[in-house]
Amino acid sequence: MLSRVADSILWMSRYIERAENVARFIDVNFNITLGADSDDPLQWAPLVYTTGDQDLYKELYGDPERDSVLRFLAFDDKNPNSILSCVSQARENARMVRDSITAPMWEQINRFYLLVLASAKHAGALAEPTAFCDEVKLASHALVGHTYTTMSHGEAWHFSRIGRLLERADKTSRILDVQYYHLLPSVNDVGSALDLVRWNALLRSTSALTMYRRMHGSIVPDRVADFLILDRDFPRSMRFCVMRAQDSISEITGSRPGTFTCRTEQLAGRLRSEMDYTAIEDVIREGLHEYIDRFQLLLNGIGEALQADFLSPADQTKTPTLQSQRQG
């Protein structure tokens, strides 16, 4: 398989997942701030910091306000990580490898692109962004379904899955970090009714509420963190994403279990092994923010190794794993 084809397929998948997760960021923050001062910069600034685009935002808009933050994250073509930019770049990557993906996949990407483009032209699309965010998530899920059911599960499929899972692991960690360090206005609110509402919104933003309730019942912050970080069966947990990405890397290399033939495989296997033997008490002891910060750096390392081992030379127009934003 040509490295440029693998590169385009991986980034097509990664950009789609990034668009979905930006929609999740918007959705959870909007739901959390219902009933609060919708123009409070303390509620909207964290969204920009989470994507790592705070300097660009400040250059374009100045101080964070609800409408400008939503437009920047959803439709601003000057923001390379906006939903519109991500879907546009995914479509361009798909166009370059039309003969390596299936017709249903290509058609769904085009439907997705036209959906976002039409919403960008609709003045009231972000007045109540929940409906738009739901449409983005459903369009992304439809593409995942087409990919799973219409594409042979060979190298191209595995590169697509790796891109999606690395992006998803990064964004799940960021949603957790936003909740724990940014969206809670005061340490006095920890354990309060407001705190529980926020953790509930966090679970909804990752489509995890039903599965969490089934496993743990009542909402307890440490259990929520455990579920989203270390659960081995929930498909949006950080551990699940690392496990399945490492499986796909091994399928591509053909290595036997417990061995590695390249740096990517070594780093992915090392992170998977660490998470296999980590308990939530270890995470809390290290500090949730510190653990997530270190996880993101390790994930960045896997992405960089993947680019060097398998893909085309780094393209500066593509945004790699978003750099960790340490706060405080």
C-alpha atoms as a PDB file:
ATOM      1  CA  MET A   1       0.000   0.000   0.000  1.00  0.00           C
ATOM      2  CA  LEU A   2       1.424   3.403  -0.987  1.00  0.00           C
ATOM      3  CA  SER A   3       2.337   5.575   1.995  1.00  0.00           C
ATOM      4  CA  ARG A   4       0.533   8.602   0.524  1.00  0.00           C
ATOM      5  CA  VAL A   5      -2.678   6.546   0.263  1.00  0.00           C
ATOM      6  CA  ALA A   6      -2.359   5.366   3.858  1.00  0.00           C
ATOM      7  CA  ASP A   7      -1.638   8.955   4.912  1.00  0.00           C
ATOM      8  CA  SER A   8      -4.772  10.311   3.214  1.00  0.00           C
ATOM      9  CA  ILE A   9      -7.002   7.544   4.580  1.00  0.00           C
ATOM     10  CA  LEU A  10      -5.724   8.000   8.124  1.00  0.00           C
ATOM     11  CA  TRP A  11      -6.198  11.782   8.008  1.00  0.00           C
ATOM     12  CA  MET A  12      -9.600  11.509   6.361  1.00  0.00           C
ATOM     13  CA  SER A  13     -10.727   9.426   9.320  1.00  0.00           C
ATOM     14  CA  ARG A  14      -8.936  11.616  11.830  1.00  0.00           C
ATOM     15  CA  TYR A  15     -10.445  14.854  10.556  1.00  0.00           C
ATOM     16  CA  ILE A  16     -13.953  13.384  10.652  1.00  0.00           C
ATOM     17  CA  GLU A  17     -13.441  12.245  14.239  1.00  0.00           C
ATOM     18  CA  ARG A  18     -12.026  15.664  15.131  1.00  0.00           C
ATOM     19  CA  ALA A  19     -15.095  17.397  13.688  1.00  0.00           C
ATOM     20  CA  GLU A  20     -17.371  15.129  15.719  1.00  0.00           C
ATOM     21  CA  ASN A  21     -15.466  15.793  18.900  1.00  0.00           C
ATOM     22  CA  VAL A  22     -15.441  19.559  18.435  1.00  0.00           C
ATOM     23  CA  ALA A  23     -19.223  19.245  18.174  1.00  0.00           C
ATOM     24  CA  ARG A  24     -19.150  17.297  21.445  1.00  0.00           C
ATOM     25  CA  PHE A  25     -17.101  20.069  23.090  1.00  0.00           C
ATOM     26  CA  ILE A  26     -19.636  22.664  21.972  1.00  0.00           C
ATOM     27  CA  ASP A  27     -22.598  20.536  23.006  1.00  0.00           C
ATOM     28  CA  VAL A  28     -21.399  19.731  26.522  1.00  0.00           C
ATOM     29  CA  ASN A  29     -20.410  23.330  27.221  1.00  0.00           C
ATOM     30  CA  PHE A  30     -23.719  24.675  25.907  1.00  0.00           C
ATOM     31  CA  ASN A  31     -25.707  22.232  28.042  1.00  0.00           C
ATOM     32  CA  ILE A  32     -23.637  22.959  31.128  1.00  0.00           C
ATOM     33  CA  THR A  33     -24.147  26.720  30.756  1.00  0.00           C
ATOM     34  CA  LEU A  34     -27.921  26.582  30.302  1.00  0.00           C
ATOM     35  CA  GLY A  35     -29.443  28.993  32.794  1.00  0.00           C
ATOM     36  CA  ALA A  36     -26.107  30.703  33.410  1.00  0.00           C
ATOM     37  CA  ASP A  37     -24.802  33.943  31.969  1.00  0.00           C
ATOM     38  CA  SER A  38     -24.368  32.840  28.349  1.00  0.00           C
ATOM     39  CA  ASP A  39     -21.820  35.615  27.673  1.00  0.00           C
ATOM     40  CA  ASP A  40     -19.595  34.847  30.653  1.00  0.00           C
ATOM     41  CA  PRO A  41     -16.066  34.511  29.162  1.00  0.00           C
ATOM     42  CA  LEU A  42     -15.119  32.109  31.959  1.00  0.00           C
ATOM     43  CA  GLN A  43     -17.579  29.615  30.466  1.00  0.00           C
ATOM     44  CA  TRP A  44     -16.461  29.943  26.827  1.00  0.00           C
ATOM     45  CA  ALA A  45     -12.717  30.610  26.946  1.00  0.00           C
ATOM     46  CA  PRO A  46     -11.894  27.008  27.986  1.00  0.00           C
ATOM     47  CA  LEU A  47     -13.288  25.676  24.705  1.00  0.00           C
ATOM     48  CA  VAL A  48     -10.722  27.639  22.738  1.00  0.00           C
ATOM     49  CA  TYR A  49      -7.888  26.608  25.057  1.00  0.00           C
ATOM     50  CA  THR A  50      -8.912  22.971  24.768  1.00  0.00           C
ATOM     51  CA  THR A  51      -8.334  22.923  21.022  1.00  0.00           C
ATOM     52  CA  GLY A  52      -5.027  24.766  21.397  1.00  0.00           C
ATOM     53  CA  ASP A  53      -6.141  27.632  19.133  1.00  0.00           C
ATOM     54  CA  GLN A  54      -6.326  30.407  21.714  1.00  0.00           C
ATOM     55  CA  ASP A  55      -3.684  32.586  20.000  1.00  0.00           C
ATOM     56  CA  LEU A  56      -5.448  32.414  16.655  1.00  0.00           C
ATOM     57  CA  TYR A  57      -8.797  33.118  18.301  1.00  0.00           C
ATOM     58  CA  LYS A  58      -7.432  36.164  20.099  1.00  0.00           C
ATOM     59  CA  GLU A  59      -5.939  37.461  16.860  1.00  0.00           C
ATOM     60  CA  LEU A  60      -9.269  37.083  15.029  1.00  0.00           C
ATOM     61  CA  TYR A  61     -11.828  37.919  17.727  1.00  0.00           C
ATOM     62  CA  GLY A  62     -10.195  39.304  20.860  1.00  0.00           C
ATOM     63  CA  ASP A  63     -11.967  38.423  24.095  1.00  0.00           C
ATOM     64  CA  PRO A  64     -14.001  35.183  24.237  1.00  0.00           C
ATOM     65  CA  GLU A  65     -17.750  35.618  23.804  1.00  0.00           C
ATOM     66  CA  ARG A  66     -20.415  33.011  23.188  1.00  0.00           C
ATOM     67  CA  ASP A  67     -21.233  33.817  19.557  1.00  0.00           C
ATOM     68  CA  SER A  68     -17.660  34.365  18.431  1.00  0.00           C
ATOM     69  CA  VAL A  69     -16.398  31.181  20.141  1.00  0.00           C
ATOM     70  CA  LEU A  70     -19.169  29.095  18.577  1.00  0.00           C
ATOM     71  CA  ARG A  71     -18.525  30.520  15.112  1.00  0.00           C
ATOM     72  CA  PHE A  72     -14.759  30.082  15.498  1.00  0.00           C
ATOM     73  CA  LEU A  73     -15.121  26.421  16.485  1.00  0.00           C
ATOM     74  CA  ALA A  74     -17.906  25.526  14.062  1.00  0.00           C
ATOM     75  CA  PHE A  75     -17.612  27.504  10.840  1.00  0.00           C
ATOM     76  CA  ASP A  76     -14.502  29.685  10.704  1.00  0.00           C
ATOM     77  CA  ASP A  77     -12.412  28.578   7.718  1.00  0.00           C
ATOM     78  CA  LYS A  78      -9.443  30.471   9.177  1.00  0.00           C
ATOM     79  CA  ASN A  79      -9.444  27.995  12.073  1.00  0.00           C
ATOM     80  CA  PRO A  80      -7.874  24.714  10.841  1.00  0.00           C
ATOM     81  CA  ASN A  81      -9.661  22.825  13.630  1.00  0.00           C
ATOM     82  CA  SER A  82     -13.172  24.166  13.086  1.00  0.00           C
ATOM     83  CA  ILE A  83     -15.850  21.664  12.126  1.00  0.00           C
ATOM     84  CA  LEU A  84     -16.097  23.158   8.639  1.00  0.00           C
ATOM     85  CA  SER A  85     -12.320  23.068   8.116  1.00  0.00           C
ATOM     86  CA  CYS A  86     -12.033  19.484   9.376  1.00  0.00           C
ATOM     87  CA  VAL A  87     -14.834  18.166   7.172  1.00  0.00           C
ATOM     88  CA  SER A  88     -13.430  20.061   4.174  1.00  0.00           C
ATOM     89  CA  GLN A  89      -9.977  18.562   4.736  1.00  0.00           C
ATOM     90  CA  ALA A  90     -11.461  15.098   5.235  1.00  0.00           C
ATOM     91  CA  ARG A  91     -13.301  15.437   1.927  1.00  0.00           C
ATOM     92  CA  GLU A  92     -10.116  16.549   0.158  1.00  0.00           C
ATOM     93  CA  ASN A  93      -8.189  13.563   1.548  1.00  0.00           C
ATOM     94  CA  ALA A  94     -11.008  11.245   0.472  1.00  0.00           C
ATOM     95  CA  ARG A  95     -10.998  12.762  -3.021  1.00  0.00           C
ATOM     96  CA  MET A  96      -7.304  11.950  -3.404  1.00  0.00           C
ATOM     97  CA  VAL A  97      -7.921   8.245  -2.644  1.00  0.00           C
ATOM     98  CA  ARG A  98     -11.285   7.706  -4.322  1.00  0.00           C
ATOM     99  CA  ASP A  99     -10.108   4.360  -5.711  1.00  0.00           C
ATOM    100  CA  SER A 100      -9.136   3.107  -2.227  1.00  0.00           C
ATOM    101  CA  ILE A 101     -12.397   3.851  -0.412  1.00  0.00           C
ATOM    102  CA  THR A 102     -15.920   2.700  -1.234  1.00  0.00           C
ATOM    103  CA  ALA A 103     -18.672   4.606  -3.029  1.00  0.00           C
ATOM    104  CA  PRO A 104     -20.902   4.738   0.105  1.00  0.00           C
ATOM    105  CA  MET A 105     -18.024   6.262   2.063  1.00  0.00           C
ATOM    106  CA  TRP A 106     -17.401   8.933  -0.559  1.00  0.00           C
ATOM    107  CA  GLU A 107     -21.104   9.739  -0.792  1.00  0.00           C
ATOM    108  CA  GLN A 108     -21.428  10.060   2.984  1.00  0.00           C
ATOM    109  CA  ILE A 109     -18.428  12.387   3.226  1.00  0.00           C
ATOM    110  CA  ASN A 110     -20.015  14.591   0.563  1.00  0.00           C
ATOM    111  CA  ARG A 111     -23.341  14.583   2.415  1.00  0.00           C
ATOM    112  CA  PHE A 112     -21.496  15.525   5.596  1.00  0.00           C
ATOM    113  CA  TYR A 113     -19.666  18.370   3.842  1.00  0.00           C
ATOM    114  CA  LEU A 114     -22.866  19.756   2.313  1.00  0.00           C
ATOM    115  CA  LEU A 115     -24.628  19.551   5.693  1.00  0.00           C
ATOM    116  CA  VAL A 116     -21.952  21.629   7.417  1.00  0.00           C
ATOM    117  CA  LEU A 117     -21.709  24.065   4.502  1.00  0.00           C
ATOM    118  CA  ALA A 118     -25.479  24.658   4.554  1.00  0.00           C
ATOM    119  CA  SER A 119     -25.432  25.174   8.330  1.00  0.00           C
ATOM    120  CA  ALA A 120     -22.577  27.669   8.012  1.00  0.00           C
ATOM    121  CA  LYS A 121     -24.736  29.751   5.660  1.00  0.00           C
ATOM    122  CA  HIS A 122     -27.729  29.621   8.007  1.00  0.00           C
ATOM    123  CA  ALA A 123     -27.660  32.626  10.316  1.00  0.00           C
ATOM    124  CA  GLY A 124     -29.489  30.892  13.171  1.00  0.00           C
ATOM    125  CA  ALA A 125     -27.603  27.600  13.160  1.00  0.00           C
ATOM    126  CA  LEU A 126     -25.693  28.409  16.349  1.00  0.00           C
ATOM    127  CA  ALA A 127     -28.487  30.108  18.273  1.00  0.00           C
ATOM    128  CA  GLU A 128     -29.313  26.666  19.690  1.00  0.00           C
ATOM    129  CA  PRO A 129     -26.286  24.579  18.636  1.00  0.00           C
ATOM    130  CA  THR A 130     -27.518  21.244  20.047  1.00  0.00           C
ATOM    131  CA  ALA A 131     -29.403  20.310  16.865  1.00  0.00           C
ATOM    132  CA  PHE A 132     -26.390  21.084  14.654  1.00  0.00           C
ATOM    133  CA  CYS A 133     -24.039  19.180  16.964  1.00  0.00           C
ATOM    134  CA  ASP A 134     -26.362  16.160  16.871  1.00  0.00           C
ATOM    135  CA  GLU A 135     -26.366  16.246  13.068  1.00  0.00           C
ATOM    136  CA  VAL A 136     -22.562  16.353  13.011  1.00  0.00           C
ATOM    137  CA  LYS A 137     -22.322  13.365  15.361  1.00  0.00           C
ATOM    138  CA  LEU A 138     -24.840  11.340  13.353  1.00  0.00           C
ATOM    139  CA  ALA A 139     -23.061  12.124  10.075  1.00  0.00           C
ATOM    140  CA  SER A 140     -19.762  10.995  11.576  1.00  0.00           C
ATOM    141  CA  HIS A 141     -21.324   7.795  12.900  1.00  0.00           C
ATOM    142  CA  ALA A 142     -22.836   7.088   9.490  1.00  0.00           C
ATOM    143  CA  LEU A 143     -19.393   7.281   7.903  1.00  0.00           C
ATOM    144  CA  VAL A 144     -17.953   4.936  10.540  1.00  0.00           C
ATOM    145  CA  GLY A 145     -20.790   2.513   9.754  1.00  0.00           C
ATOM    146  CA  HIS A 146     -20.158   2.686   5.998  1.00  0.00           C
ATOM    147  CA  THR A 147     -16.438   2.183   6.591  1.00  0.00           C
ATOM    148  CA  TYR A 148     -17.004  -0.865   8.780  1.00  0.00           C
ATOM    149  CA  THR A 149     -19.601  -2.535   6.556  1.00  0.00           C
ATOM    150  CA  THR A 150     -18.479  -1.685   3.016  1.00  0.00           C
ATOM    151  CA  MET A 151     -14.660  -1.596   3.184  1.00  0.00           C
ATOM    152  CA  SER A 152     -12.492  -4.714   3.279  1.00  0.00           C
ATOM    153  CA  HIS A 153     -10.745  -4.967   6.634  1.00  0.00           C
ATOM    154  CA  GLY A 154      -7.249  -4.799   5.198  1.00  0.00           C
ATOM    155  CA  GLU A 155      -4.462  -2.252   5.558  1.00  0.00           C
ATOM    156  CA  ALA A 156      -6.545   0.723   4.402  1.00  0.00           C
ATOM    157  CA  TRP A 157      -9.281  -0.083   6.910  1.00  0.00           C
ATOM    158  CA  HIS A 158      -6.744  -0.432   9.722  1.00  0.00           C
ATOM    159  CA  PHE A 159      -5.139   2.932   8.926  1.00  0.00           C
ATOM    160  CA  SER A 160      -8.597   4.479   8.992  1.00  0.00           C
ATOM    161  CA  ARG A 161      -9.305   2.912  12.377  1.00  0.00           C
ATOM    162  CA  ILE A 162      -5.949   4.023  13.801  1.00  0.00           C
ATOM    163  CA  GLY A 163      -6.605   7.627  12.810  1.00  0.00           C
ATOM    164  CA  ARG A 164     -10.085   7.599  14.300  1.00  0.00           C
ATOM    165  CA  LEU A 165      -9.020   5.991  17.579  1.00  0.00           C
ATOM    166  CA  LEU A 166      -5.954   8.155  18.205  1.00  0.00           C
ATOM    167  CA  GLU A 167      -8.076  11.249  17.676  1.00  0.00           C
ATOM    168  CA  ARG A 168     -10.876   9.896  19.866  1.00  0.00           C
ATOM    169  CA  ALA A 169      -8.525   9.017  22.723  1.00  0.00           C
ATOM    170  CA  ASP A 170      -7.055  12.514  22.630  1.00  0.00           C
ATOM    171  CA  LYS A 171     -10.449  14.197  22.629  1.00  0.00           C
ATOM    172  CA  THR A 172     -11.923  12.022  25.407  1.00  0.00           C
ATOM    173  CA  SER A 173      -8.962  13.016  27.557  1.00  0.00           C
ATOM    174  CA  ARG A 174      -9.534  16.673  26.727  1.00  0.00           C
ATOM    175  CA  ILE A 175     -13.231  16.578  27.560  1.00  0.00           C
ATOM    176  CA  LEU A 176     -12.309  15.115  30.944  1.00  0.00           C
ATOM    177  CA  ASP A 177      -9.673  17.777  31.488  1.00  0.00           C
ATOM    178  CA  VAL A 178     -12.074  20.579  30.572  1.00  0.00           C
ATOM    179  CA  GLN A 179     -14.658  19.322  33.070  1.00  0.00           C
ATOM    180  CA  TYR A 180     -12.249  18.831  35.916  1.00  0.00           C
ATOM    181  CA  TYR A 181     -10.171  22.001  35.604  1.00  0.00           C
ATOM    182  CA  HIS A 182     -12.122  24.559  33.632  1.00  0.00           C
ATOM    183  CA  LEU A 183     -15.871  24.137  33.732  1.00  0.00           C
ATOM    184  CA  LEU A 184     -16.217  23.896  37.506  1.00  0.00           C
ATOM    185  CA  PRO A 185     -16.277  27.521  38.663  1.00  0.00           C
ATOM    186  CA  SER A 186     -15.186  27.000  42.269  1.00  0.00           C
ATOM    187  CA  VAL A 187     -13.603  24.310  44.422  1.00  0.00           C
ATOM    188  CA  ASN A 188     -16.563  24.840  46.762  1.00  0.00           C
ATOM    189  CA  ASP A 189     -18.785  23.267  44.095  1.00  0.00           C
ATOM    190  CA  VAL A 190     -16.957  19.911  44.194  1.00  0.00           C
ATOM    191  CA  GLY A 191     -19.452  17.277  45.304  1.00  0.00           C
ATOM    192  CA  SER A 192     -22.393  19.671  45.025  1.00  0.00           C
ATOM    193  CA  ALA A 193     -25.533  19.275  42.933  1.00  0.00           C
ATOM    194  CA  LEU A 194     -23.918  21.539  40.330  1.00  0.00           C
ATOM    195  CA  ASP A 195     -20.893  19.257  40.211  1.00  0.00           C
ATOM    196  CA  LEU A 196     -23.107  16.214  39.586  1.00  0.00           C
ATOM    197  CA  VAL A 197     -24.937  18.030  36.797  1.00  0.00           C
ATOM    198  CA  ARG A 198     -21.616  18.736  35.141  1.00  0.00           C
ATOM    199  CA  TRP A 199     -20.408  15.141  35.399  1.00  0.00           C
ATOM    200  CA  ASN A 200     -23.758  14.027  33.983  1.00  0.00           C
ATOM    201  CA  ALA A 201     -23.262  16.411  31.053  1.00  0.00           C
ATOM    202  CA  LEU A 202     -19.746  15.083  30.589  1.00  0.00           C
ATOM    203  CA  LEU A 203     -21.052  11.516  30.274  1.00  0.00           C
ATOM    204  CA  ARG A 204     -23.682  12.648  27.807  1.00  0.00           C
ATOM    205  CA  SER A 205     -21.049  14.429  25.724  1.00  0.00           C
ATOM    206  CA  THR A 206     -19.187  11.146  25.280  1.00  0.00           C
ATOM    207  CA  SER A 207     -22.399   9.111  24.785  1.00  0.00           C
ATOM    208  CA  ALA A 208     -21.396   7.249  27.922  1.00  0.00           C
ATOM    209  CA  LEU A 209     -24.282   7.924  30.310  1.00  0.00           C
ATOM    210  CA  THR A 210     -26.299   4.757  29.616  1.00  0.00           C
ATOM    211  CA  MET A 211     -23.338   2.392  29.831  1.00  0.00           C
ATOM    212  CA  TYR A 212     -21.967   4.149  32.894  1.00  0.00           C
ATOM    213  CA  ARG A 213     -25.328   3.935  34.688  1.00  0.00           C
ATOM    214  CA  ARG A 214     -25.601   0.259  33.833  1.00  0.00           C
ATOM    215  CA  MET A 215     -22.173  -0.462  35.284  1.00  0.00           C
ATOM    216  CA  HIS A 216     -21.917   1.955  38.218  1.00  0.00           C
ATOM    217  CA  GLY A 217     -25.372   3.362  38.955  1.00  0.00           C
ATOM    218  CA  SER A 218     -25.030   6.710  40.708  1.00  0.00           C
ATOM    219  CA  ILE A 219     -22.644   9.338  39.424  1.00  0.00           C
ATOM    220  CA  VAL A 220     -19.401   9.461  41.406  1.00  0.00           C
ATOM    221  CA  PRO A 221     -16.578  11.579  39.907  1.00  0.00           C
ATOM    222  CA  ASP A 222     -13.833   8.989  40.496  1.00  0.00           C
ATOM    223  CA  ARG A 223     -15.962   6.293  38.847  1.00  0.00           C
ATOM    224  CA  VAL A 224     -16.707   8.561  35.896  1.00  0.00           C
ATOM    225  CA  ALA A 225     -12.983   9.174  35.454  1.00  0.00           C
ATOM    226  CA  ASP A 226     -12.308   5.433  35.778  1.00  0.00           C
ATOM    227  CA  PHE A 227     -14.944   4.635  33.141  1.00  0.00           C
ATOM    228  CA  LEU A 228     -13.709   7.178  30.586  1.00  0.00           C
ATOM    229  CA  ILE A 229     -10.008   6.516  31.144  1.00  0.00           C
ATOM    230  CA  LEU A 230      -9.593   2.838  31.949  1.00  0.00           C
ATOM    231  CA  ASP A 231     -12.684   0.893  30.886  1.00  0.00           C
ATOM    232  CA  ARG A 232     -11.614  -1.794  28.429  1.00  0.00           C
ATOM    233  CA  ASP A 233     -15.027  -2.273  26.763  1.00  0.00           C
ATOM    234  CA  PHE A 234     -16.507   1.209  26.271  1.00  0.00           C
ATOM    235  CA  PRO A 235     -15.564   2.412  22.750  1.00  0.00           C
ATOM    236  CA  ARG A 236     -14.870   6.019  23.709  1.00  0.00           C
ATOM    237  CA  SER A 237     -12.677   5.304  26.715  1.00  0.00           C
ATOM    238  CA  MET A 238      -9.010   6.193  26.402  1.00  0.00           C
ATOM    239  CA  ARG A 239      -7.882   2.637  27.159  1.00  0.00           C
ATOM    240  CA  PHE A 240     -10.219   1.059  24.604  1.00  0.00           C
ATOM    241  CA  CYS A 241      -8.957   3.427  21.902  1.00  0.00           C
ATOM    242  CA  VAL A 242      -5.309   2.652  22.669  1.00  0.00           C
ATOM    243  CA  MET A 243      -6.002  -1.106  22.741  1.00  0.00           C
ATOM    244  CA  ARG A 244      -7.755  -1.178  19.376  1.00  0.00           C
ATOM    245  CA  ALA A 245      -5.267   1.191  17.731  1.00  0.00           C
ATOM    246  CA  GLN A 246      -2.426  -1.050  18.876  1.00  0.00           C
ATOM    247  CA  ASP A 247      -4.296  -4.075  17.491  1.00  0.00           C
ATOM    248  CA  SER A 248      -4.521  -2.398  14.086  1.00  0.00           C
ATOM    249  CA  ILE A 249      -0.844  -1.421  14.133  1.00  0.00           C
ATOM    250  CA  SER A 250       0.075  -5.053  14.811  1.00  0.00           C
ATOM    251  CA  GLU A 251      -2.214  -6.215  11.986  1.00  0.00           C
ATOM    252  CA  ILE A 252      -0.377  -3.895   9.590  1.00  0.00           C
ATOM    253  CA  THR A 253       3.100  -4.982  10.681  1.00  0.00           C
ATOM    254  CA  GLY A 254       2.217  -8.654  11.137  1.00  0.00           C
ATOM    255  CA  SER A 255       4.126  -8.850  14.418  1.00  0.00           C
ATOM    256  CA  ARG A 256       3.431 -11.625  16.892  1.00  0.00           C
ATOM    257  CA  PRO A 257       1.856 -10.671  20.238  1.00  0.00           C
ATOM    258  CA  GLY A 258       4.436  -9.276  22.636  1.00  0.00           C
ATOM    259  CA  THR A 259       6.864  -8.254  19.880  1.00  0.00           C
ATOM    260  CA  PHE A 260       7.401  -5.117  17.815  1.00  0.00           C
ATOM    261  CA  THR A 261       9.103  -4.236  14.547  1.00  0.00           C
ATOM    262  CA  CYS A 262       8.909  -0.429  14.562  1.00  0.00           C
ATOM    263  CA  ARG A 263       8.864   2.544  16.904  1.00  0.00           C
ATOM    264  CA  THR A 264       5.114   3.061  16.484  1.00  0.00           C
ATOM    265  CA  GLU A 265       4.376  -0.469  17.617  1.00  0.00           C
ATOM    266  CA  GLN A 266       6.736  -0.151  20.562  1.00  0.00           C
ATOM    267  CA  LEU A 267       5.202   3.093  21.832  1.00  0.00           C
ATOM    268  CA  ALA A 268       1.616   1.911  21.361  1.00  0.00           C
ATOM    269  CA  GLY A 269       2.337  -1.391  23.093  1.00  0.00           C
ATOM    270  CA  ARG A 270       4.077   0.350  25.963  1.00  0.00           C
ATOM    271  CA  LEU A 271       1.139   2.723  26.549  1.00  0.00           C
ATOM    272  CA  ARG A 272      -1.344  -0.136  26.309  1.00  0.00           C
ATOM    273  CA  SER A 273       0.609  -2.191  28.833  1.00  0.00           C
ATOM    274  CA  GLU A 274       0.811   0.729  31.249  1.00  0.00           C
ATOM    275  CA  MET A 275      -2.945   1.290  31.052  1.00  0.00           C
ATOM    276  CA  ASP A 276      -3.623  -2.437  31.478  1.00  0.00           C
ATOM    277  CA  TYR A 277      -1.968  -2.281  34.886  1.00  0.00           C
ATOM    278  CA  THR A 278      -3.169   1.148  36.017  1.00  0.00           C
ATOM    279  CA  ALA A 279      -5.955   1.626  38.570  1.00  0.00           C
ATOM    280  CA  ILE A 280      -7.945   4.810  39.012  1.00  0.00           C
ATOM    281  CA  GLU A 281      -6.291   5.230  42.426  1.00  0.00           C
ATOM    282  CA  ASP A 282      -2.948   5.536  40.594  1.00  0.00           C
ATOM    283  CA  VAL A 283      -4.410   8.233  38.347  1.00  0.00           C
ATOM    284  CA  ILE A 284      -5.840  10.203  41.282  1.00  0.00           C
ATOM    285  CA  ARG A 285      -2.557   9.877  43.159  1.00  0.00           C
ATOM    286  CA  GLU A 286      -0.634  11.295  40.194  1.00  0.00           C
ATOM    287  CA  GLY A 287      -3.312  13.946  39.639  1.00  0.00           C
ATOM    288  CA  LEU A 288      -5.983  13.675  36.966  1.00  0.00           C
ATOM    289  CA  HIS A 289      -4.737  16.698  35.048  1.00  0.00           C
ATOM    290  CA  GLU A 290      -1.132  15.531  35.256  1.00  0.00           C
ATOM    291  CA  TYR A 291      -2.055  12.019  34.117  1.00  0.00           C
ATOM    292  CA  ILE A 292      -4.056  13.342  31.162  1.00  0.00           C
ATOM    293  CA  ASP A 293      -1.275  15.753  30.242  1.00  0.00           C
ATOM    294  CA  ARG A 294       1.246  12.900  30.180  1.00  0.00           C
ATOM    295  CA  PHE A 295      -1.171  10.671  28.260  1.00  0.00           C
ATOM    296  CA  GLN A 296      -1.581  13.317  25.561  1.00  0.00           C
ATOM    297  CA  LEU A 297       2.181  13.660  25.192  1.00  0.00           C
ATOM    298  CA  LEU A 298       2.547   9.886  24.812  1.00  0.00           C
ATOM    299  CA  LEU A 299      -0.275   9.855  22.270  1.00  0.00           C
ATOM    300  CA  ASN A 300       1.468  12.627  20.334  1.00  0.00           C
ATOM    301  CA  GLY A 301       4.598  10.464  20.309  1.00  0.00           C
ATOM    302  CA  ILE A 302       2.681   7.566  18.777  1.00  0.00           C
ATOM    303  CA  GLY A 303       1.274   9.874  16.100  1.00  0.00           C
ATOM    304  CA  GLU A 304       4.714  11.231  15.244  1.00  0.00           C
ATOM    305  CA  ALA A 305       6.207   7.731  15.087  1.00  0.00           C
ATOM    306  CA  LEU A 306       3.343   6.575  12.880  1.00  0.00           C
ATOM    307  CA  GLN A 307       4.047   9.416  10.474  1.00  0.00           C
ATOM    308  CA  ALA A 308       7.748   8.554  10.360  1.00  0.00           C
ATOM    309  CA  ASP A 309       7.329   4.767  10.092  1.00  0.00           C
ATOM    310  CA  PHE A 310       4.484   4.446   7.601  1.00  0.00           C
ATOM    311  CA  LEU A 311       3.215   7.676   6.108  1.00  0.00           C
ATOM    312  CA  SER A 312       4.241  10.549   3.876  1.00  0.00           C
ATOM    313  CA  PRO A 313       6.679  13.176   5.170  1.00  0.00           C
ATOM    314  CA  ALA A 314       4.973  15.494   7.641  1.00  0.00           C
ATOM    315  CA  ASP A 315       2.674  17.929   5.883  1.00  0.00           C
ATOM    316  CA  GLN A 316       2.593  21.275   7.656  1.00  0.00           C
ATOM    317  CA  THR A 317      -0.928  21.935   6.365  1.00  0.00           C
ATOM    318  CA  LYS A 318      -2.184  19.025   8.431  1.00  0.00           C
ATOM    319  CA  THR A 319      -2.612  19.515  12.138  1.00  0.00           C
ATOM    320  CA  PRO A 320      -1.089  16.646  14.174  1.00  0.00           C
ATOM    321  CA  THR A 321      -2.385  15.605  17.529  1.00  0.00           C
ATOM    322  CA  LEU A 322      -3.250  18.864  19.240  1.00  0.00           C
ATOM    323  CA  GLN A 323      -0.540  19.837  21.650  1.00  0.00           C
ATOM    324  CA  SER A 324      -1.282  19.471  25.320  1.00  0.00           C
ATOM    325  CA  GLN A 325      -2.381  22.727  26.934  1.00  0.00           C
ATOM    326  CA  ARG A 326      -1.182  22.793  30.525  1.00  0.00           C
ATOM    327  CA  GLN A 327      -3.198  25.179  32.640  1.00  0.00           C
ATOM    328  CA  GLY A 328      -2.594  26.504  36.101  1.00  0.00           C
END
